[in-house]
Amino acid sequence: MPNPGSELRGLAFYDFDGTLVRSNVVHQYLWYARRRRSWIRLGLLAASAPLLKLSDLLSRRMFNQFFYLQYRGLPETWLRAEARSLLEECLRPRLFAGARQLVERNREEGFGNVLLTGSLDFSIAPLAEEFGFERVLANRMHFADGLATGRLEEPILAGSAKVRAVLESCRNANVSASACRAYSDDLADLPMLEAVGHPVAANPTPALRKIAEARGWPVAAL
């Protein structure tokens, strides 16, 4: 939380993949599949690439539902146990240089930091703990008999679901969304950026940069 005794000015919401790290959910799954030495999984992912691209063009929610089927059959205990190694070998090397400083600066300025991501909760938990996020909202895998089913628990954090998460977090913290900040790199998060008073295009794609510049939003390179 912000410094003890200081008033909470608002919340700062951060997308994860592409915003704080030069990485995405596919990189995370590839790391797990290679760690498992599952060449069949790698082959299936390659074969599904065209459908994954199409689903992402149609809907980020649809992409999440389709992509996370790749995890089906992986043991929950193993996935959670390997998250620390995932951090060290996959995520930490891809951290943007200014990511930690951005989070710290917002905290010093009186903002509560909220990580709001389509990544899986267990995958990003160690890094979220290091950064000291006050709240982590991430996608959650459904498990049955100790194995991943490939289905996500609701809510699936994409598009309008991220907006609802922002507004609910603001209500719970008793702050106005107009006082809050949000950071993302991708056009898929435009609804989340529009939901707050201080949106920032962080390491943006060309499409998001174009909109940010047209609207006068800050553009940040971390």
C-alpha atoms as a PDB file:
ATOM      1  CA  MET A   1       0.000   0.000   0.000  1.00  0.00           C
ATOM      2  CA  PRO A   2       1.038   3.652  -0.171  1.00  0.00           C
ATOM      3  CA  ASN A   3       3.124   4.941   2.708  1.00  0.00           C
ATOM      4  CA  PRO A   4       1.440   4.485   6.112  1.00  0.00           C
ATOM      5  CA  GLY A   5      -0.591   7.497   7.078  1.00  0.00           C
ATOM      6  CA  SER A   6      -0.884   8.785   3.523  1.00  0.00           C
ATOM      7  CA  GLU A   7      -4.258   9.078   1.842  1.00  0.00           C
ATOM      8  CA  LEU A   8      -5.008   6.722  -1.032  1.00  0.00           C
ATOM      9  CA  ARG A   9      -5.155   8.923  -4.150  1.00  0.00           C
ATOM     10  CA  GLY A  10      -6.400   6.183  -6.412  1.00  0.00           C
ATOM     11  CA  LEU A  11      -5.468   2.841  -7.937  1.00  0.00           C
ATOM     12  CA  ALA A  12      -2.973   2.105 -10.690  1.00  0.00           C
ATOM     13  CA  PHE A  13      -3.903  -0.843 -12.906  1.00  0.00           C
ATOM     14  CA  TYR A  14      -1.303  -2.676 -14.949  1.00  0.00           C
ATOM     15  CA  ASP A  15      -1.605  -5.136 -17.759  1.00  0.00           C
ATOM     16  CA  PHE A  16       1.268  -7.634 -17.578  1.00  0.00           C
ATOM     17  CA  ASP A  17       2.268  -9.169 -20.914  1.00  0.00           C
ATOM     18  CA  GLY A  18       3.815  -6.601 -23.216  1.00  0.00           C
ATOM     19  CA  THR A  19       3.364  -3.863 -20.618  1.00  0.00           C
ATOM     20  CA  LEU A  20       5.677  -4.837 -17.758  1.00  0.00           C
ATOM     21  CA  VAL A  21       7.442  -7.732 -19.479  1.00  0.00           C
ATOM     22  CA  ARG A  22       8.545  -8.345 -23.058  1.00  0.00           C
ATOM     23  CA  SER A  23       6.579 -11.571 -22.992  1.00  0.00           C
ATOM     24  CA  ASN A  24       3.124 -13.077 -23.449  1.00  0.00           C
ATOM     25  CA  VAL A  25       1.046 -16.064 -22.359  1.00  0.00           C
ATOM     26  CA  VAL A  26       2.400 -18.162 -25.240  1.00  0.00           C
ATOM     27  CA  HIS A  27       5.979 -17.717 -23.985  1.00  0.00           C
ATOM     28  CA  GLN A  28       4.878 -18.919 -20.564  1.00  0.00           C
ATOM     29  CA  TYR A  29       3.227 -22.038 -21.937  1.00  0.00           C
ATOM     30  CA  LEU A  30       6.196 -22.776 -24.208  1.00  0.00           C
ATOM     31  CA  TRP A  31       8.455 -22.648 -21.169  1.00  0.00           C
ATOM     32  CA  TYR A  32       6.246 -25.115 -19.284  1.00  0.00           C
ATOM     33  CA  ALA A  33       6.031 -27.481 -22.284  1.00  0.00           C
ATOM     34  CA  ARG A  34       9.793 -27.465 -22.771  1.00  0.00           C
ATOM     35  CA  ARG A  35      10.369 -27.923 -19.057  1.00  0.00           C
ATOM     36  CA  ARG A  36       8.077 -30.950 -19.264  1.00  0.00           C
ATOM     37  CA  ARG A  37       9.959 -32.146 -22.376  1.00  0.00           C
ATOM     38  CA  SER A  38       6.600 -32.550 -24.039  1.00  0.00           C
ATOM     39  CA  TRP A  39       7.335 -32.417 -27.744  1.00  0.00           C
ATOM     40  CA  ILE A  40       3.764 -33.462 -28.484  1.00  0.00           C
ATOM     41  CA  ARG A  41       2.488 -30.341 -26.706  1.00  0.00           C
ATOM     42  CA  LEU A  42       4.893 -28.162 -28.668  1.00  0.00           C
ATOM     43  CA  GLY A  43       3.714 -29.721 -31.910  1.00  0.00           C
ATOM     44  CA  LEU A  44       0.055 -29.253 -31.046  1.00  0.00           C
ATOM     45  CA  LEU A  45       0.665 -25.615 -30.195  1.00  0.00           C
ATOM     46  CA  ALA A  46       2.392 -25.036 -33.536  1.00  0.00           C
ATOM     47  CA  ALA A  47      -0.478 -26.739 -35.364  1.00  0.00           C
ATOM     48  CA  SER A  48      -3.055 -24.570 -33.607  1.00  0.00           C
ATOM     49  CA  ALA A  49      -1.228 -21.286 -34.320  1.00  0.00           C
ATOM     50  CA  PRO A  50      -3.493 -20.199 -37.229  1.00  0.00           C
ATOM     51  CA  LEU A  51      -6.646 -20.727 -35.172  1.00  0.00           C
ATOM     52  CA  LEU A  52      -5.099 -18.932 -32.206  1.00  0.00           C
ATOM     53  CA  LYS A  53      -4.306 -15.911 -34.374  1.00  0.00           C
ATOM     54  CA  LEU A  54      -7.822 -15.873 -35.784  1.00  0.00           C
ATOM     55  CA  SER A  55      -9.440 -16.153 -32.347  1.00  0.00           C
ATOM     56  CA  ASP A  56      -7.315 -13.274 -31.053  1.00  0.00           C
ATOM     57  CA  LEU A  57      -8.450 -11.093 -33.948  1.00  0.00           C
ATOM     58  CA  LEU A  58     -12.081 -11.886 -33.154  1.00  0.00           C
ATOM     59  CA  SER A  59     -12.008 -11.657 -29.356  1.00  0.00           C
ATOM     60  CA  ARG A  60      -9.360 -11.732 -26.631  1.00  0.00           C
ATOM     61  CA  ARG A  61     -11.806 -13.697 -24.460  1.00  0.00           C
ATOM     62  CA  MET A  62     -12.171 -16.272 -27.245  1.00  0.00           C
ATOM     63  CA  PHE A  63      -8.385 -16.458 -27.577  1.00  0.00           C
ATOM     64  CA  ASN A  64      -8.012 -17.114 -23.843  1.00  0.00           C
ATOM     65  CA  GLN A  65     -10.623 -19.854 -23.901  1.00  0.00           C
ATOM     66  CA  PHE A  66      -8.996 -21.549 -26.872  1.00  0.00           C
ATOM     67  CA  PHE A  67      -5.354 -21.039 -25.927  1.00  0.00           C
ATOM     68  CA  TYR A  68      -5.551 -22.286 -22.332  1.00  0.00           C
ATOM     69  CA  LEU A  69      -6.851 -25.646 -23.556  1.00  0.00           C
ATOM     70  CA  GLN A  70      -3.150 -26.295 -24.210  1.00  0.00           C
ATOM     71  CA  TYR A  71      -2.659 -26.733 -20.448  1.00  0.00           C
ATOM     72  CA  ARG A  72      -5.060 -29.663 -20.257  1.00  0.00           C
ATOM     73  CA  GLY A  73      -3.584 -32.598 -18.333  1.00  0.00           C
ATOM     74  CA  LEU A  74      -0.731 -30.752 -16.635  1.00  0.00           C
ATOM     75  CA  PRO A  75      -0.510 -31.401 -12.853  1.00  0.00           C
ATOM     76  CA  GLU A  76      -1.499 -28.489 -10.625  1.00  0.00           C
ATOM     77  CA  THR A  77       1.213 -29.159  -8.032  1.00  0.00           C
ATOM     78  CA  TRP A  78       3.895 -29.210 -10.743  1.00  0.00           C
ATOM     79  CA  LEU A  79       2.665 -25.997 -12.381  1.00  0.00           C
ATOM     80  CA  ARG A  80       2.681 -24.142  -9.088  1.00  0.00           C
ATOM     81  CA  ALA A  81       6.041 -25.564  -8.017  1.00  0.00           C
ATOM     82  CA  GLU A  82       7.674 -24.532 -11.300  1.00  0.00           C
ATOM     83  CA  ALA A  83       6.432 -20.927 -11.156  1.00  0.00           C
ATOM     84  CA  ARG A  84       9.608 -19.721  -9.415  1.00  0.00           C
ATOM     85  CA  SER A  85      11.776 -21.203 -12.163  1.00  0.00           C
ATOM     86  CA  LEU A  86       9.469 -19.678 -14.762  1.00  0.00           C
ATOM     87  CA  LEU A  87      10.148 -16.303 -13.170  1.00  0.00           C
ATOM     88  CA  GLU A  88      13.917 -16.723 -13.210  1.00  0.00           C
ATOM     89  CA  GLU A  89      14.257 -18.227 -16.690  1.00  0.00           C
ATOM     90  CA  CYS A  90      11.392 -16.709 -18.676  1.00  0.00           C
ATOM     91  CA  LEU A  91       9.928 -13.602 -17.058  1.00  0.00           C
ATOM     92  CA  ARG A  92      12.747 -11.820 -15.241  1.00  0.00           C
ATOM     93  CA  PRO A  93      15.015 -11.684 -18.333  1.00  0.00           C
ATOM     94  CA  ARG A  94      12.120 -10.067 -20.226  1.00  0.00           C
ATOM     95  CA  LEU A  95      11.238  -7.403 -17.651  1.00  0.00           C
ATOM     96  CA  PHE A  96      11.218  -3.908 -19.087  1.00  0.00           C
ATOM     97  CA  ALA A  97      13.925  -1.832 -17.432  1.00  0.00           C
ATOM     98  CA  GLY A  98      11.508   0.739 -16.037  1.00  0.00           C
ATOM     99  CA  ALA A  99       8.732  -1.595 -14.896  1.00  0.00           C
ATOM    100  CA  ARG A 100       9.677  -1.801 -11.232  1.00  0.00           C
ATOM    101  CA  GLN A 101      10.390   1.917 -11.011  1.00  0.00           C
ATOM    102  CA  LEU A 102       6.946   2.707 -12.440  1.00  0.00           C
ATOM    103  CA  VAL A 103       5.211   0.592  -9.807  1.00  0.00           C
ATOM    104  CA  GLU A 104       7.320   2.094  -7.026  1.00  0.00           C
ATOM    105  CA  ARG A 105       6.694   5.636  -8.231  1.00  0.00           C
ATOM    106  CA  ASN A 106       2.942   5.142  -8.239  1.00  0.00           C
ATOM    107  CA  ARG A 107       3.121   3.702  -4.745  1.00  0.00           C
ATOM    108  CA  GLU A 108       5.157   6.703  -3.524  1.00  0.00           C
ATOM    109  CA  GLU A 109       2.590   9.027  -5.107  1.00  0.00           C
ATOM    110  CA  GLY A 110      -0.211   7.434  -3.106  1.00  0.00           C
ATOM    111  CA  PHE A 111      -1.636   4.878  -5.527  1.00  0.00           C
ATOM    112  CA  GLY A 112      -2.511   1.291  -4.716  1.00  0.00           C
ATOM    113  CA  ASN A 113      -1.048  -1.005  -7.360  1.00  0.00           C
ATOM    114  CA  VAL A 114      -3.271  -3.625  -9.013  1.00  0.00           C
ATOM    115  CA  LEU A 115      -1.984  -6.186 -11.504  1.00  0.00           C
ATOM    116  CA  LEU A 116      -4.815  -6.984 -13.925  1.00  0.00           C
ATOM    117  CA  THR A 117      -3.809  -9.649 -16.403  1.00  0.00           C
ATOM    118  CA  GLY A 118      -4.950 -12.444 -18.658  1.00  0.00           C
ATOM    119  CA  SER A 119      -1.956 -14.517 -17.549  1.00  0.00           C
ATOM    120  CA  LEU A 120      -2.560 -17.393 -15.151  1.00  0.00           C
ATOM    121  CA  ASP A 121      -2.424 -16.547 -11.462  1.00  0.00           C
ATOM    122  CA  PHE A 122       0.156 -19.174 -10.498  1.00  0.00           C
ATOM    123  CA  SER A 123       2.485 -18.196 -13.366  1.00  0.00           C
ATOM    124  CA  ILE A 124       2.855 -14.562 -12.338  1.00  0.00           C
ATOM    125  CA  ALA A 125       2.495 -14.971  -8.555  1.00  0.00           C
ATOM    126  CA  PRO A 126       6.235 -14.880  -7.687  1.00  0.00           C
ATOM    127  CA  LEU A 127       6.872 -11.732  -9.726  1.00  0.00           C
ATOM    128  CA  ALA A 128       3.722 -10.056  -8.406  1.00  0.00           C
ATOM    129  CA  GLU A 129       4.932 -10.761  -4.870  1.00  0.00           C
ATOM    130  CA  GLU A 130       8.347  -9.256  -5.624  1.00  0.00           C
ATOM    131  CA  PHE A 131       6.758  -6.101  -7.001  1.00  0.00           C
ATOM    132  CA  GLY A 132       4.521  -5.840  -3.948  1.00  0.00           C
ATOM    133  CA  PHE A 133       1.234  -5.454  -5.796  1.00  0.00           C
ATOM    134  CA  GLU A 134      -1.562  -4.747  -3.348  1.00  0.00           C
ATOM    135  CA  ARG A 135      -3.935  -6.843  -5.442  1.00  0.00           C
ATOM    136  CA  VAL A 136      -3.505  -9.353  -8.245  1.00  0.00           C
ATOM    137  CA  LEU A 137      -6.389 -10.104 -10.613  1.00  0.00           C
ATOM    138  CA  ALA A 138      -5.430 -12.854 -13.051  1.00  0.00           C
ATOM    139  CA  ASN A 139      -7.010 -15.694 -14.978  1.00  0.00           C
ATOM    140  CA  ARG A 140      -7.474 -18.893 -12.993  1.00  0.00           C
ATOM    141  CA  MET A 141      -7.210 -22.404 -14.391  1.00  0.00           C
ATOM    142  CA  HIS A 142      -9.847 -24.971 -13.479  1.00  0.00           C
ATOM    143  CA  PHE A 143      -8.368 -28.174 -12.016  1.00  0.00           C
ATOM    144  CA  ALA A 144      -9.990 -31.557 -11.467  1.00  0.00           C
ATOM    145  CA  ASP A 145      -8.342 -34.512  -9.729  1.00  0.00           C
ATOM    146  CA  GLY A 146      -5.123 -32.529  -9.566  1.00  0.00           C
ATOM    147  CA  LEU A 147      -4.927 -31.898 -13.322  1.00  0.00           C
ATOM    148  CA  ALA A 148      -5.610 -28.820 -15.452  1.00  0.00           C
ATOM    149  CA  THR A 149      -8.826 -29.193 -17.421  1.00  0.00           C
ATOM    150  CA  GLY A 150      -7.900 -26.433 -19.862  1.00  0.00           C
ATOM    151  CA  ARG A 151     -10.976 -24.429 -18.838  1.00  0.00           C
ATOM    152  CA  LEU A 152     -10.738 -21.072 -17.136  1.00  0.00           C
ATOM    153  CA  GLU A 153     -12.692 -20.082 -14.067  1.00  0.00           C
ATOM    154  CA  GLU A 154     -14.964 -17.095 -14.522  1.00  0.00           C
ATOM    155  CA  PRO A 155     -14.472 -14.217 -14.853  1.00  0.00           C
ATOM    156  CA  ILE A 156     -12.164 -14.557 -17.833  1.00  0.00           C
ATOM    157  CA  LEU A 157     -10.131 -11.367 -17.675  1.00  0.00           C
ATOM    158  CA  ALA A 158     -10.317  -9.795 -21.105  1.00  0.00           C
ATOM    159  CA  GLY A 159     -12.154  -6.836 -22.638  1.00  0.00           C
ATOM    160  CA  SER A 160     -15.260  -5.835 -20.691  1.00  0.00           C
ATOM    161  CA  ALA A 161     -14.369  -8.207 -17.832  1.00  0.00           C
ATOM    162  CA  LYS A 162     -11.282  -6.097 -17.169  1.00  0.00           C
ATOM    163  CA  VAL A 163     -13.455  -2.993 -17.053  1.00  0.00           C
ATOM    164  CA  ARG A 164     -15.734  -4.634 -14.491  1.00  0.00           C
ATOM    165  CA  ALA A 165     -12.670  -5.601 -12.451  1.00  0.00           C
ATOM    166  CA  VAL A 166     -11.453  -2.001 -12.531  1.00  0.00           C
ATOM    167  CA  LEU A 167     -14.794  -0.583 -11.413  1.00  0.00           C
ATOM    168  CA  GLU A 168     -15.258  -3.193  -8.687  1.00  0.00           C
ATOM    169  CA  SER A 169     -11.743  -2.527  -7.375  1.00  0.00           C
ATOM    170  CA  CYS A 170     -12.492   1.195  -7.281  1.00  0.00           C
ATOM    171  CA  ARG A 171     -15.711   0.619  -5.335  1.00  0.00           C
ATOM    172  CA  ASN A 172     -13.935  -1.633  -2.857  1.00  0.00           C
ATOM    173  CA  ALA A 173     -11.178   0.934  -2.344  1.00  0.00           C
ATOM    174  CA  ASN A 174     -13.682   3.814  -2.200  1.00  0.00           C
ATOM    175  CA  VAL A 175     -11.939   5.738  -4.965  1.00  0.00           C
ATOM    176  CA  SER A 176     -13.228   7.190  -8.209  1.00  0.00           C
ATOM    177  CA  ALA A 177     -12.161   5.585 -11.473  1.00  0.00           C
ATOM    178  CA  SER A 178     -11.528   9.109 -12.747  1.00  0.00           C
ATOM    179  CA  ALA A 179      -8.705   9.398 -10.191  1.00  0.00           C
ATOM    180  CA  CYS A 180      -7.088   6.126 -11.268  1.00  0.00           C
ATOM    181  CA  ARG A 181      -4.323   5.223 -13.698  1.00  0.00           C
ATOM    182  CA  ALA A 182      -4.088   2.321 -16.124  1.00  0.00           C
ATOM    183  CA  TYR A 183      -1.212   1.005 -18.223  1.00  0.00           C
ATOM    184  CA  SER A 184      -1.332  -1.292 -21.230  1.00  0.00           C
ATOM    185  CA  ASP A 185       0.478  -1.960 -24.476  1.00  0.00           C
ATOM    186  CA  ASP A 186      -2.324  -3.431 -26.553  1.00  0.00           C
ATOM    187  CA  LEU A 187      -5.490  -2.310 -28.299  1.00  0.00           C
ATOM    188  CA  ALA A 188      -7.332  -5.227 -26.657  1.00  0.00           C
ATOM    189  CA  ASP A 189      -7.106  -3.259 -23.395  1.00  0.00           C
ATOM    190  CA  LEU A 190      -8.618  -0.078 -24.832  1.00  0.00           C
ATOM    191  CA  PRO A 191     -11.824  -0.543 -22.749  1.00  0.00           C
ATOM    192  CA  MET A 192      -9.725  -0.774 -19.563  1.00  0.00           C
ATOM    193  CA  LEU A 193      -7.768   2.343 -20.483  1.00  0.00           C
ATOM    194  CA  GLU A 194     -10.972   4.226 -21.254  1.00  0.00           C
ATOM    195  CA  ALA A 195     -12.426   3.245 -17.864  1.00  0.00           C
ATOM    196  CA  VAL A 196      -9.968   5.373 -15.869  1.00  0.00           C
ATOM    197  CA  GLY A 197      -9.179   9.055 -15.758  1.00  0.00           C
ATOM    198  CA  HIS A 198      -5.458   8.662 -16.476  1.00  0.00           C
ATOM    199  CA  PRO A 199      -4.727   6.059 -19.161  1.00  0.00           C
ATOM    200  CA  VAL A 200      -1.155   5.456 -20.332  1.00  0.00           C
ATOM    201  CA  ALA A 201      -0.076   3.561 -23.441  1.00  0.00           C
ATOM    202  CA  ALA A 202       2.978   1.698 -22.132  1.00  0.00           C
ATOM    203  CA  ASN A 203       5.295   0.164 -24.747  1.00  0.00           C
ATOM    204  CA  PRO A 204       2.321   0.377 -27.109  1.00  0.00           C
ATOM    205  CA  THR A 205       1.659  -1.462 -30.318  1.00  0.00           C
ATOM    206  CA  PRO A 206       1.372   0.828 -33.364  1.00  0.00           C
ATOM    207  CA  ALA A 207      -2.439   0.591 -33.248  1.00  0.00           C
ATOM    208  CA  LEU A 208      -2.659   1.658 -29.599  1.00  0.00           C
ATOM    209  CA  ARG A 209      -0.009   4.350 -30.064  1.00  0.00           C
ATOM    210  CA  LYS A 210      -2.049   5.902 -32.862  1.00  0.00           C
ATOM    211  CA  ILE A 211      -5.165   6.097 -30.664  1.00  0.00           C
ATOM    212  CA  ALA A 212      -3.204   7.377 -27.654  1.00  0.00           C
ATOM    213  CA  GLU A 213      -1.612  10.165 -29.683  1.00  0.00           C
ATOM    214  CA  ALA A 214      -4.962  11.123 -31.202  1.00  0.00           C
ATOM    215  CA  ARG A 215      -6.521  11.369 -27.744  1.00  0.00           C
ATOM    216  CA  GLY A 216      -3.576  13.061 -26.074  1.00  0.00           C
ATOM    217  CA  TRP A 217      -2.822  10.161 -23.747  1.00  0.00           C
ATOM    218  CA  PRO A 218       0.715   9.764 -22.417  1.00  0.00           C
ATOM    219  CA  VAL A 219       2.878   7.230 -24.225  1.00  0.00           C
ATOM    220  CA  ALA A 220       5.543   5.585 -22.060  1.00  0.00           C
ATOM    221  CA  ALA A 221       8.514   3.431 -22.999  1.00  0.00           C
ATOM    222  CA  LEU A 222       9.490   1.355 -20.004  1.00  0.00           C
END
